[in-house]
Amino acid sequence: MPSVIPMLVVGIIFKSIYEPQHGLINEALRAIGLSSWTQHWLSDVRWAFKSVIAVDVWKGAGYIMVILLAGLQAISSSYYEAADIDGAGFWKKLRYITLPLLMPSLTVTTVLNLLYGLKIFDTVYVLTNGGPGYATDVVYTQVFSQFSLGSYGVGTALITVLFVIMTLMGFFAVKLMSREEQG
């Protein structure tokens, strides 16, 4: 469900969940007697970025789970049966069967998460607009600000640098993961 809901709707929902006075999180904390744990989730410098990350993780978790589940289902049960016959325990099966055979799926999800993490904009923009102060400011909010101010050269330079960084990170992540897959 989180993957198909537009980010604008998710942002509005989580703004109400994080609302300091009557938001779901603070109300739940008060209901169980933990009033001292209530926070200004999106306006406190200490909690704003963590709150945005939590929303983004929630939004992307289903997509990643589908990829990993497909990878797990592609592993033949005959490997596990052979490991059972050899007397392998859970940890040995995990280390020598599951993780190596799941490595292509892990490679895809790692690269996608790295690249998606670098290009995050909508979650930050909808929830905090880069604030409080610059606590949740990311490269894309800066690019948006520069273009909004008419500084097209600075905005384009930021995007170009980010493109180069994303390309290099993606290349090295794939290279590293495929080396681990082979041996």
C-alpha atoms as a PDB file:
ATOM      1  CA  MET A   1       0.000   0.000   0.000  1.00  0.00           C
ATOM      2  CA  PRO A   2       2.713   2.600   0.801  1.00  0.00           C
ATOM      3  CA  SER A   3       4.263   2.251  -2.652  1.00  0.00           C
ATOM      4  CA  VAL A   4       1.089   3.202  -4.506  1.00  0.00           C
ATOM      5  CA  ILE A   5       0.010   6.152  -2.349  1.00  0.00           C
ATOM      6  CA  PRO A   6       1.260   9.483  -3.752  1.00  0.00           C
ATOM      7  CA  MET A   7       3.923  11.150  -1.616  1.00  0.00           C
ATOM      8  CA  LEU A   8       1.741  14.225  -1.169  1.00  0.00           C
ATOM      9  CA  VAL A   9      -0.929  12.094   0.510  1.00  0.00           C
ATOM     10  CA  VAL A  10       1.679  10.268   2.608  1.00  0.00           C
ATOM     11  CA  GLY A  11       3.119  13.623   3.669  1.00  0.00           C
ATOM     12  CA  ILE A  12      -0.257  14.959   4.740  1.00  0.00           C
ATOM     13  CA  ILE A  13      -1.017  11.769   6.672  1.00  0.00           C
ATOM     14  CA  PHE A  14       2.339  11.766   8.452  1.00  0.00           C
ATOM     15  CA  LYS A  15       2.157  15.483   9.197  1.00  0.00           C
ATOM     16  CA  SER A  16      -1.017  14.732  11.126  1.00  0.00           C
ATOM     17  CA  ILE A  17       0.559  11.663  12.766  1.00  0.00           C
ATOM     18  CA  TYR A  18       3.595  13.724  13.847  1.00  0.00           C
ATOM     19  CA  GLU A  19       1.510  16.743  14.953  1.00  0.00           C
ATOM     20  CA  PRO A  20       2.735  17.761  18.447  1.00  0.00           C
ATOM     21  CA  GLN A  21      -0.605  18.412  20.153  1.00  0.00           C
ATOM     22  CA  HIS A  22      -3.025  15.836  18.762  1.00  0.00           C
ATOM     23  CA  GLY A  23      -0.901  13.641  16.528  1.00  0.00           C
ATOM     24  CA  LEU A  24      -1.235   9.870  16.720  1.00  0.00           C
ATOM     25  CA  ILE A  25       2.275   9.254  18.052  1.00  0.00           C
ATOM     26  CA  ASN A  26       2.100  11.802  20.875  1.00  0.00           C
ATOM     27  CA  GLU A  27      -1.471  10.797  21.757  1.00  0.00           C
ATOM     28  CA  ALA A  28      -0.398   7.143  21.964  1.00  0.00           C
ATOM     29  CA  LEU A  29       2.569   8.073  24.162  1.00  0.00           C
ATOM     30  CA  ARG A  30       0.294  10.067  26.466  1.00  0.00           C
ATOM     31  CA  ALA A  31      -2.252   7.223  26.597  1.00  0.00           C
ATOM     32  CA  ILE A  32       0.352   4.761  27.883  1.00  0.00           C
ATOM     33  CA  GLY A  33       1.742   7.214  30.423  1.00  0.00           C
ATOM     34  CA  LEU A  34       4.837   8.318  28.520  1.00  0.00           C
ATOM     35  CA  SER A  35       3.990  12.004  28.194  1.00  0.00           C
ATOM     36  CA  SER A  36       7.624  12.924  28.752  1.00  0.00           C
ATOM     37  CA  TRP A  37       8.487  11.166  25.470  1.00  0.00           C
ATOM     38  CA  THR A  38       6.235  13.360  23.344  1.00  0.00           C
ATOM     39  CA  GLN A  39       8.123  15.470  20.831  1.00  0.00           C
ATOM     40  CA  HIS A  40       7.734  18.109  18.187  1.00  0.00           C
ATOM     41  CA  TRP A  41       8.684  15.483  15.600  1.00  0.00           C
ATOM     42  CA  LEU A  42       8.978  17.726  12.552  1.00  0.00           C
ATOM     43  CA  SER A  43       9.951  21.044  14.134  1.00  0.00           C
ATOM     44  CA  ASP A  44      12.636  19.879  16.581  1.00  0.00           C
ATOM     45  CA  VAL A  45      16.119  19.880  15.061  1.00  0.00           C
ATOM     46  CA  ARG A  46      16.984  16.638  16.885  1.00  0.00           C
ATOM     47  CA  TRP A  47      13.965  14.712  15.571  1.00  0.00           C
ATOM     48  CA  ALA A  48      13.065  16.221  12.182  1.00  0.00           C
ATOM     49  CA  PHE A  49      15.546  14.299  10.033  1.00  0.00           C
ATOM     50  CA  LYS A  50      14.882  11.033  11.876  1.00  0.00           C
ATOM     51  CA  SER A  51      11.153  11.519  11.366  1.00  0.00           C
ATOM     52  CA  VAL A  52      11.583  12.150   7.644  1.00  0.00           C
ATOM     53  CA  ILE A  53      13.782   9.047   7.355  1.00  0.00           C
ATOM     54  CA  ALA A  54      11.151   6.959   9.141  1.00  0.00           C
ATOM     55  CA  VAL A  55       8.481   8.060   6.649  1.00  0.00           C
ATOM     56  CA  ASP A  56      10.739   7.367   3.697  1.00  0.00           C
ATOM     57  CA  VAL A  57      11.702   3.923   5.012  1.00  0.00           C
ATOM     58  CA  TRP A  58       8.021   3.112   5.533  1.00  0.00           C
ATOM     59  CA  LYS A  59       7.212   4.248   1.997  1.00  0.00           C
ATOM     60  CA  GLY A  60       9.963   2.186   0.339  1.00  0.00           C
ATOM     61  CA  ALA A  61       9.957  -0.942   2.511  1.00  0.00           C
ATOM     62  CA  GLY A  62       7.247  -2.760   0.565  1.00  0.00           C
ATOM     63  CA  TYR A  63       9.038  -2.376  -2.753  1.00  0.00           C
ATOM     64  CA  ILE A  64      12.281  -3.715  -1.315  1.00  0.00           C
ATOM     65  CA  MET A  65      10.450  -6.574   0.402  1.00  0.00           C
ATOM     66  CA  VAL A  66       8.921  -7.675  -2.899  1.00  0.00           C
ATOM     67  CA  ILE A  67      12.360  -7.819  -4.542  1.00  0.00           C
ATOM     68  CA  LEU A  68      13.869  -9.752  -1.615  1.00  0.00           C
ATOM     69  CA  LEU A  69      10.892 -12.106  -1.406  1.00  0.00           C
ATOM     70  CA  ALA A  70      11.240 -12.881  -5.108  1.00  0.00           C
ATOM     71  CA  GLY A  71      14.934 -13.593  -4.509  1.00  0.00           C
ATOM     72  CA  LEU A  72      14.133 -15.916  -1.595  1.00  0.00           C
ATOM     73  CA  GLN A  73      11.497 -17.776  -3.590  1.00  0.00           C
ATOM     74  CA  ALA A  74      13.987 -18.320  -6.409  1.00  0.00           C
ATOM     75  CA  ILE A  75      16.244 -20.366  -4.091  1.00  0.00           C
ATOM     76  CA  SER A  76      15.547 -24.057  -4.633  1.00  0.00           C
ATOM     77  CA  SER A  77      14.500 -26.010  -1.557  1.00  0.00           C
ATOM     78  CA  SER A  78      16.853 -28.823  -2.633  1.00  0.00           C
ATOM     79  CA  TYR A  79      19.783 -26.758  -1.310  1.00  0.00           C
ATOM     80  CA  TYR A  80      18.226 -26.650   2.141  1.00  0.00           C
ATOM     81  CA  GLU A  81      17.324 -30.349   2.020  1.00  0.00           C
ATOM     82  CA  ALA A  82      20.922 -31.218   1.172  1.00  0.00           C
ATOM     83  CA  ALA A  83      22.126 -28.960   4.000  1.00  0.00           C
ATOM     84  CA  ASP A  84      19.735 -30.708   6.419  1.00  0.00           C
ATOM     85  CA  ILE A  85      21.141 -34.079   5.389  1.00  0.00           C
ATOM     86  CA  ASP A  86      24.663 -32.766   5.988  1.00  0.00           C
ATOM     87  CA  GLY A  87      23.593 -31.553   9.442  1.00  0.00           C
ATOM     88  CA  ALA A  88      23.859 -27.823   8.795  1.00  0.00           C
ATOM     89  CA  GLY A  89      22.111 -25.555  11.272  1.00  0.00           C
ATOM     90  CA  PHE A  90      20.210 -22.337  10.654  1.00  0.00           C
ATOM     91  CA  TRP A  91      23.279 -20.068  10.670  1.00  0.00           C
ATOM     92  CA  LYS A  92      25.262 -22.241   8.256  1.00  0.00           C
ATOM     93  CA  LYS A  93      22.300 -22.384   5.864  1.00  0.00           C
ATOM     94  CA  LEU A  94      21.963 -18.629   6.101  1.00  0.00           C
ATOM     95  CA  ARG A  95      25.667 -18.009   5.499  1.00  0.00           C
ATOM     96  CA  TYR A  96      26.374 -20.592   2.808  1.00  0.00           C
ATOM     97  CA  ILE A  97      23.054 -20.901   0.975  1.00  0.00           C
ATOM     98  CA  THR A  98      20.638 -18.039   1.545  1.00  0.00           C
ATOM     99  CA  LEU A  99      22.954 -15.016   1.495  1.00  0.00           C
ATOM    100  CA  PRO A 100      25.075 -16.075  -1.508  1.00  0.00           C
ATOM    101  CA  LEU A 101      22.018 -17.000  -3.573  1.00  0.00           C
ATOM    102  CA  LEU A 102      20.186 -13.855  -2.474  1.00  0.00           C
ATOM    103  CA  MET A 103      23.132 -11.636  -3.445  1.00  0.00           C
ATOM    104  CA  PRO A 104      21.689 -10.563  -6.840  1.00  0.00           C
ATOM    105  CA  SER A 105      18.525  -9.330  -5.124  1.00  0.00           C
ATOM    106  CA  LEU A 106      20.563  -7.683  -2.381  1.00  0.00           C
ATOM    107  CA  THR A 107      22.683  -5.986  -5.056  1.00  0.00           C
ATOM    108  CA  VAL A 108      19.625  -4.561  -6.768  1.00  0.00           C
ATOM    109  CA  THR A 109      18.043  -3.344  -3.519  1.00  0.00           C
ATOM    110  CA  THR A 110      21.301  -1.854  -2.235  1.00  0.00           C
ATOM    111  CA  VAL A 111      21.941   0.094  -5.433  1.00  0.00           C
ATOM    112  CA  LEU A 112      18.317   1.262  -5.604  1.00  0.00           C
ATOM    113  CA  ASN A 113      18.386   2.360  -1.956  1.00  0.00           C
ATOM    114  CA  LEU A 114      21.682   4.224  -2.355  1.00  0.00           C
ATOM    115  CA  LEU A 115      20.494   6.058  -5.423  1.00  0.00           C
ATOM    116  CA  TYR A 116      17.035   6.727  -4.025  1.00  0.00           C
ATOM    117  CA  GLY A 117      18.527   8.022  -0.774  1.00  0.00           C
ATOM    118  CA  LEU A 118      20.629  10.527  -2.675  1.00  0.00           C
ATOM    119  CA  LYS A 119      17.752  11.811  -4.778  1.00  0.00           C
ATOM    120  CA  ILE A 120      15.160  12.181  -2.029  1.00  0.00           C
ATOM    121  CA  PHE A 121      13.155  15.353  -2.367  1.00  0.00           C
ATOM    122  CA  ASP A 122       9.413  14.826  -2.144  1.00  0.00           C
ATOM    123  CA  THR A 123       9.375  13.435   1.390  1.00  0.00           C
ATOM    124  CA  VAL A 124      11.496  16.293   2.719  1.00  0.00           C
ATOM    125  CA  TYR A 125       9.623  18.940   0.767  1.00  0.00           C
ATOM    126  CA  VAL A 126       6.168  17.785   1.834  1.00  0.00           C
ATOM    127  CA  LEU A 127       6.994  17.191   5.506  1.00  0.00           C
ATOM    128  CA  THR A 128       9.447  19.953   6.433  1.00  0.00           C
ATOM    129  CA  ASN A 129      10.482  21.914   3.321  1.00  0.00           C
ATOM    130  CA  GLY A 130      14.080  21.468   4.491  1.00  0.00           C
ATOM    131  CA  GLY A 131      13.468  22.869   7.964  1.00  0.00           C
ATOM    132  CA  PRO A 132      13.626  23.495  10.832  1.00  0.00           C
ATOM    133  CA  GLY A 133      16.505  25.687   9.806  1.00  0.00           C
ATOM    134  CA  TYR A 134      18.500  23.415   7.537  1.00  0.00           C
ATOM    135  CA  ALA A 135      18.021  20.240   9.616  1.00  0.00           C
ATOM    136  CA  THR A 136      16.362  18.252   6.831  1.00  0.00           C
ATOM    137  CA  ASP A 137      17.881  20.084   3.879  1.00  0.00           C
ATOM    138  CA  VAL A 138      19.132  17.720   1.156  1.00  0.00           C
ATOM    139  CA  VAL A 139      20.757  18.319  -2.214  1.00  0.00           C
ATOM    140  CA  TYR A 140      17.473  18.367  -4.093  1.00  0.00           C
ATOM    141  CA  THR A 141      15.897  20.912  -1.765  1.00  0.00           C
ATOM    142  CA  GLN A 142      18.922  23.101  -2.397  1.00  0.00           C
ATOM    143  CA  VAL A 143      18.547  22.566  -6.155  1.00  0.00           C
ATOM    144  CA  PHE A 144      14.875  23.514  -5.881  1.00  0.00           C
ATOM    145  CA  SER A 145      15.785  26.632  -3.873  1.00  0.00           C
ATOM    146  CA  GLN A 146      18.444  27.669  -6.389  1.00  0.00           C
ATOM    147  CA  PHE A 147      16.100  27.266  -9.346  1.00  0.00           C
ATOM    148  CA  SER A 148      13.340  29.105  -7.438  1.00  0.00           C
ATOM    149  CA  LEU A 149      15.731  32.000  -6.864  1.00  0.00           C
ATOM    150  CA  GLY A 150      16.693  32.074 -10.550  1.00  0.00           C
ATOM    151  CA  SER A 151      20.212  30.731  -9.895  1.00  0.00           C
ATOM    152  CA  TYR A 152      20.031  28.242 -12.745  1.00  0.00           C
ATOM    153  CA  GLY A 153      23.798  27.833 -12.982  1.00  0.00           C
ATOM    154  CA  VAL A 154      24.179  26.847  -9.323  1.00  0.00           C
ATOM    155  CA  GLY A 155      21.165  24.513  -9.530  1.00  0.00           C
ATOM    156  CA  THR A 156      22.521  22.855 -12.662  1.00  0.00           C
ATOM    157  CA  ALA A 157      25.978  22.510 -11.109  1.00  0.00           C
ATOM    158  CA  LEU A 158      24.491  20.830  -8.026  1.00  0.00           C
ATOM    159  CA  ILE A 159      22.493  18.407 -10.188  1.00  0.00           C
ATOM    160  CA  THR A 160      25.552  17.619 -12.299  1.00  0.00           C
ATOM    161  CA  VAL A 161      27.712  16.901  -9.255  1.00  0.00           C
ATOM    162  CA  LEU A 162      24.953  14.750  -7.779  1.00  0.00           C
ATOM    163  CA  PHE A 163      24.644  12.852 -11.075  1.00  0.00           C
ATOM    164  CA  VAL A 164      28.371  12.091 -11.083  1.00  0.00           C
ATOM    165  CA  ILE A 165      28.271  10.976  -7.426  1.00  0.00           C
ATOM    166  CA  MET A 166      25.234   8.762  -8.036  1.00  0.00           C
ATOM    167  CA  THR A 167      26.816   7.203 -11.123  1.00  0.00           C
ATOM    168  CA  LEU A 168      30.055   6.455  -9.278  1.00  0.00           C
ATOM    169  CA  MET A 169      28.271   5.076  -6.217  1.00  0.00           C
ATOM    170  CA  GLY A 170      26.038   2.885  -8.366  1.00  0.00           C
ATOM    171  CA  PHE A 171      29.010   1.606 -10.371  1.00  0.00           C
ATOM    172  CA  PHE A 172      31.086   0.774  -7.294  1.00  0.00           C
ATOM    173  CA  ALA A 173      28.141  -0.775  -5.452  1.00  0.00           C
ATOM    174  CA  VAL A 174      27.402  -3.081  -8.382  1.00  0.00           C
ATOM    175  CA  LYS A 175      31.095  -3.901  -8.776  1.00  0.00           C
ATOM    176  CA  LEU A 176      31.515  -4.686  -5.070  1.00  0.00           C
ATOM    177  CA  MET A 177      28.345  -6.768  -4.839  1.00  0.00           C
ATOM    178  CA  SER A 178      29.065  -8.745  -8.017  1.00  0.00           C
ATOM    179  CA  ARG A 179      32.545  -9.510  -6.739  1.00  0.00           C
ATOM    180  CA  GLU A 180      30.967 -10.889  -3.543  1.00  0.00           C
ATOM    181  CA  GLU A 181      28.523 -12.931  -5.644  1.00  0.00           C
ATOM    182  CA  GLN A 182      31.341 -14.612  -7.570  1.00  0.00           C
ATOM    183  CA  GLY A 183      33.461 -15.608  -4.724  1.00  0.00           C
END
